[in-house]
C-alpha atoms as a PDB file:
ATOM      1  CA  MET A   1      95.091  75.432  62.626  1.00  0.00           C
ATOM      2  CA  SER A   2      98.731  74.717  62.069  1.00  0.00           C
ATOM      3  CA  LEU A   3     102.435  76.155  61.069  1.00  0.00           C
ATOM      4  CA  ASP A   4     102.872  73.312  58.544  1.00  0.00           C
ATOM      5  CA  ASP A   5     102.896  75.270  55.251  1.00  0.00           C
ATOM      6  CA  GLY A   6     103.948  78.581  56.864  1.00  0.00           C
ATOM      7  CA  PHE A   7     100.472  79.774  56.926  1.00  0.00           C
ATOM      8  CA  LEU A   8      97.888  80.766  59.350  1.00  0.00           C
ATOM      9  CA  VAL A   9      95.099  81.752  58.924  1.00  0.00           C
ATOM     10  CA  ALA A  10      92.830  83.369  61.934  1.00  0.00           C
ATOM     11  CA  GLY A  11      89.759  84.519  60.019  1.00  0.00           C
ATOM     12  CA  LEU A  12      87.478  84.258  57.033  1.00  0.00           C
ATOM     13  CA  VAL A  13      88.173  86.347  54.019  1.00  0.00           C
ATOM     14  CA  ALA A  14      84.668  88.045  54.140  1.00  0.00           C
ATOM     15  CA  VAL A  15      82.504  87.559  51.209  1.00  0.00           C
ATOM     16  CA  LEU A  16      82.146  91.077  49.395  1.00  0.00           C
ATOM     17  CA  ALA A  17      78.360  91.424  49.606  1.00  0.00           C
ATOM     18  CA  PHE A  18      78.020  94.744  51.129  1.00  0.00           C
ATOM     19  CA  ARG A  19      74.765  96.868  51.723  1.00  0.00           C
ATOM     20  CA  GLN A  20      74.498 100.060  49.179  1.00  0.00           C
ATOM     21  CA  ASP A  21      73.763 102.755  51.553  1.00  0.00           C
ATOM     22  CA  ALA A  22      77.115 102.894  53.423  1.00  0.00           C
ATOM     23  CA  PRO A  23      77.754 106.440  54.479  1.00  0.00           C
ATOM     24  CA  ALA A  24      80.586 108.856  53.275  1.00  0.00           C
ATOM     25  CA  ARG A  25      82.136 110.256  56.067  1.00  0.00           C
ATOM     26  CA  GLY A  26      85.543 108.666  57.392  1.00  0.00           C
ATOM     27  CA  ALA A  27      85.741 106.841  54.030  1.00  0.00           C
ATOM     28  CA  GLU A  28      89.539 107.740  53.889  1.00  0.00           C
ATOM     29  CA  PRO A  29      91.909 104.772  53.577  1.00  0.00           C
ATOM     30  CA  GLY A  30      94.171 106.874  56.420  1.00  0.00           C
ATOM     31  CA  ASP A  31      90.937 106.517  58.668  1.00  0.00           C
ATOM     32  CA  ALA A  32      90.716 102.547  57.947  1.00  0.00           C
ATOM     33  CA  GLU A  33      94.206 102.077  59.004  1.00  0.00           C
ATOM     34  CA  THR A  34      94.145 103.993  62.116  1.00  0.00           C
ATOM     35  CA  ALA A  35      91.082 101.850  62.847  1.00  0.00           C
ATOM     36  CA  ALA A  36      92.929  98.833  62.048  1.00  0.00           C
ATOM     37  CA  ARG A  37      95.959  99.168  64.310  1.00  0.00           C
ATOM     38  CA  SER A  38      93.444  99.998  67.381  1.00  0.00           C
ATOM     39  CA  TRP A  39      91.937  96.689  66.551  1.00  0.00           C
ATOM     40  CA  LEU A  40      95.408  95.029  66.317  1.00  0.00           C
ATOM     41  CA  SER A  41      96.172  96.639  69.723  1.00  0.00           C
ATOM     42  CA  ILE A  42      93.356  94.667  70.985  1.00  0.00           C
ATOM     43  CA  VAL A  43      94.731  91.321  69.370  1.00  0.00           C
ATOM     44  CA  ASP A  44      98.168  92.398  70.653  1.00  0.00           C
ATOM     45  CA  ALA A  45      97.290  92.416  74.029  1.00  0.00           C
ATOM     46  CA  GLY A  46      95.367  88.956  73.740  1.00  0.00           C
ATOM     47  CA  ASP A  47      91.947  89.913  73.991  1.00  0.00           C
ATOM     48  CA  TYR A  48      90.978  87.728  71.161  1.00  0.00           C
ATOM     49  CA  GLU A  49      87.287  87.280  72.318  1.00  0.00           C
ATOM     50  CA  ASP A  50      87.054  91.157  72.544  1.00  0.00           C
ATOM     51  CA  SER A  51      88.372  91.780  68.889  1.00  0.00           C
ATOM     52  CA  TRP A  52      85.443  89.792  67.719  1.00  0.00           C
ATOM     53  CA  HIS A  53      83.143  92.203  69.401  1.00  0.00           C
ATOM     54  CA  SER A  54      85.198  94.538  67.750  1.00  0.00           C
ATOM     55  CA  ALA A  55      85.271  93.236  64.341  1.00  0.00           C
ATOM     56  CA  SER A  56      82.399  94.136  61.752  1.00  0.00           C
ATOM     57  CA  GLU A  57      79.063  92.806  61.625  1.00  0.00           C
ATOM     58  CA  LEU A  58      79.801  91.315  58.212  1.00  0.00           C
ATOM     59  CA  PHE A  59      82.753  89.624  59.768  1.00  0.00           C
ATOM     60  CA  ARG A  60      80.565  88.064  62.660  1.00  0.00           C
ATOM     61  CA  GLN A  61      77.416  87.372  60.306  1.00  0.00           C
ATOM     62  CA  ASN A  62      80.008  85.693  57.877  1.00  0.00           C
ATOM     63  CA  MET A  63      81.405  83.500  60.599  1.00  0.00           C
ATOM     64  CA  ALA A  64      78.064  82.431  61.914  1.00  0.00           C
ATOM     65  CA  ARG A  65      76.852  80.862  58.684  1.00  0.00           C
ATOM     66  CA  PHE A  66      79.811  78.468  59.133  1.00  0.00           C
ATOM     67  CA  GLY A  67      78.689  78.005  62.871  1.00  0.00           C
ATOM     68  CA  LYS A  68      81.509  79.824  64.258  1.00  0.00           C
ATOM     69  CA  ASP A  69      81.222  82.295  67.196  1.00  0.00           C
ATOM     70  CA  ALA A  70      83.204  84.493  69.588  1.00  0.00           C
ATOM     71  CA  SER A  71      84.592  81.360  71.747  1.00  0.00           C
ATOM     72  CA  PHE A  72      85.776  79.672  68.329  1.00  0.00           C
ATOM     73  CA  TRP A  73      87.555  83.128  67.044  1.00  0.00           C
ATOM     74  CA  ALA A  74      89.321  83.470  70.392  1.00  0.00           C
ATOM     75  CA  LYS A  75      90.435  80.190  70.285  1.00  0.00           C
ATOM     76  CA  SER A  76      91.530  80.035  66.315  1.00  0.00           C
ATOM     77  CA  LEU A  77      93.291  83.386  66.950  1.00  0.00           C
ATOM     78  CA  GLY A  78      95.026  82.360  70.056  1.00  0.00           C
ATOM     79  CA  VAL A  79      96.536  79.470  68.340  1.00  0.00           C
ATOM     80  CA  ALA A  80      97.609  81.626  65.648  1.00  0.00           C
ATOM     81  CA  ARG A  81      98.977  84.784  67.597  1.00  0.00           C
ATOM     82  CA  LYS A  82     100.288  83.179  71.041  1.00  0.00           C
ATOM     83  CA  PRO A  83     103.215  81.326  69.400  1.00  0.00           C
ATOM     84  CA  LEU A  84     104.553  84.153  67.865  1.00  0.00           C
ATOM     85  CA  GLY A  85     105.198  86.220  71.141  1.00  0.00           C
ATOM     86  CA  GLU A  86     104.898  90.082  71.268  1.00  0.00           C
ATOM     87  CA  VAL A  87     104.905  92.273  68.336  1.00  0.00           C
ATOM     88  CA  ARG A  88     108.558  93.676  67.889  1.00  0.00           C
ATOM     89  CA  SER A  89     107.534  96.147  64.855  1.00  0.00           C
ATOM     90  CA  ARG A  90     104.507  96.169  62.380  1.00  0.00           C
ATOM     91  CA  LYS A  91     104.791  98.219  59.230  1.00  0.00           C
ATOM     92  CA  SER A  92     102.127  98.862  56.690  1.00  0.00           C
ATOM     93  CA  THR A  93     103.133  98.149  53.304  1.00  0.00           C
ATOM     94  CA  ALA A  94     100.373  98.249  51.283  1.00  0.00           C
ATOM     95  CA  VAL A  95      96.932 100.185  51.830  1.00  0.00           C
ATOM     96  CA  GLN A  96      94.888  99.857  49.045  1.00  0.00           C
ATOM     97  CA  PRO A  97      91.200 101.091  48.410  1.00  0.00           C
ATOM     98  CA  LYS A  98      88.988  98.340  47.191  1.00  0.00           C
ATOM     99  CA  SER A  99      85.603  98.123  45.157  1.00  0.00           C
ATOM    100  CA  GLY A 100      83.066  95.853  46.500  1.00  0.00           C
ATOM    101  CA  ALA A 101      79.313  96.221  46.287  1.00  0.00           C
ATOM    102  CA  GLY A 102      78.398  99.203  48.357  1.00  0.00           C
ATOM    103  CA  ALA A 103      80.674  99.772  51.132  1.00  0.00           C
ATOM    104  CA  PRO A 104      84.063 101.447  50.837  1.00  0.00           C
ATOM    105  CA  LEU A 105      87.073  98.528  51.446  1.00  0.00           C
ATOM    106  CA  VAL A 106      90.298  98.967  52.106  1.00  0.00           C
ATOM    107  CA  GLU A 107      92.945  96.320  52.011  1.00  0.00           C
ATOM    108  CA  ILE A 108      96.211  96.863  54.575  1.00  0.00           C
ATOM    109  CA  VAL A 109      99.155  94.943  54.310  1.00  0.00           C
ATOM    110  CA  TYR A 110     101.882  94.718  57.348  1.00  0.00           C
ATOM    111  CA  ALA A 111     105.277  93.529  57.442  1.00  0.00           C
ATOM    112  CA  SER A 112     105.495  92.596  60.983  1.00  0.00           C
ATOM    113  CA  ALA A 113     108.245  90.957  63.396  1.00  0.00           C
ATOM    114  CA  PHE A 114     107.266  89.260  66.256  1.00  0.00           C
ATOM    115  CA  ALA A 115     109.464  87.831  69.409  1.00  0.00           C
ATOM    116  CA  ALA A 116     109.574  84.077  67.660  1.00  0.00           C
ATOM    117  CA  ALA A 117     109.068  84.964  64.453  1.00  0.00           C
ATOM    118  CA  ASP A 118     110.399  87.442  61.965  1.00  0.00           C
ATOM    119  CA  GLY A 119     108.836  88.032  58.548  1.00  0.00           C
ATOM    120  CA  VAL A 120     105.008  87.759  59.356  1.00  0.00           C
ATOM    121  CA  GLN A 121     102.603  89.606  56.930  1.00  0.00           C
ATOM    122  CA  GLU A 122      99.585  90.297  58.323  1.00  0.00           C
ATOM    123  CA  THR A 123      96.747  91.410  55.875  1.00  0.00           C
ATOM    124  CA  MET A 124      93.371  92.773  56.803  1.00  0.00           C
ATOM    125  CA  VAL A 125      90.452  94.026  55.186  1.00  0.00           C
ATOM    126  CA  MET A 126      88.580  96.987  56.822  1.00  0.00           C
ATOM    127  CA  THR A 127      84.929  97.875  56.119  1.00  0.00           C
ATOM    128  CA  LEU A 128      83.148 100.957  56.726  1.00  0.00           C
ATOM    129  CA  GLU A 129      80.197 100.374  58.796  1.00  0.00           C
ATOM    130  CA  ASP A 130      76.745 102.258  58.717  1.00  0.00           C
ATOM    131  CA  ASP A 131      77.958 104.081  61.720  1.00  0.00           C
ATOM    132  CA  GLY A 132      80.905 105.665  60.123  1.00  0.00           C
ATOM    133  CA  GLU A 133      83.195 103.638  61.879  1.00  0.00           C
ATOM    134  CA  TRP A 134      86.173 101.092  59.968  1.00  0.00           C
ATOM    135  CA  ARG A 135      86.193  97.587  61.441  1.00  0.00           C
ATOM    136  CA  MET A 136      87.825  94.529  60.498  1.00  0.00           C
ATOM    137  CA  ALA A 137      86.222  92.386  58.125  1.00  0.00           C
ATOM    138  CA  SER A 138      89.044  89.820  57.327  1.00  0.00           C
ATOM    139  CA  TYR A 139      92.125  88.823  59.268  1.00  0.00           C
ATOM    140  CA  VAL A 140      94.855  87.051  57.761  1.00  0.00           C
ATOM    141  CA  ILE A 141      98.639  86.538  59.190  1.00  0.00           C
ATOM    142  CA  GLN A 142     101.207  84.195  57.436  1.00  0.00           C
ATOM    143  CA  ARG A 143     104.788  83.594  57.735  1.00  0.00           C
ATOM    144  CA  ARG A 144     106.528  84.763  54.660  1.00  0.00           C
END
């Protein structure tokens, strides 16, 4: 991963092939944003491997299809995040429900500033899993 073209991709965009029997509880976009901020706090603390375990099953399965595991994720996310330093600010600029083939999805875009970089955009897709919890299905970070 490099900063050469201004993009840092710290995850795979989830393939939107979701199960048909997702539960309805907790399906509000605000709940998804709360869960996204919780997941980001794990990443902000530098607990990159824990962020893998806190991600959606869909995310982990898609990564595994490409032969990637928690160790790969932790290293890749560290490469993307460590040079940016601590988060100074993060504001959601869009919270958009998305349609998928079953499970509710919410895309959340944050305008973020870090100690070593202003003008960073973080884009997440959250999915509602069978246990009624929102979890990260995709995370992309890029300099604007």
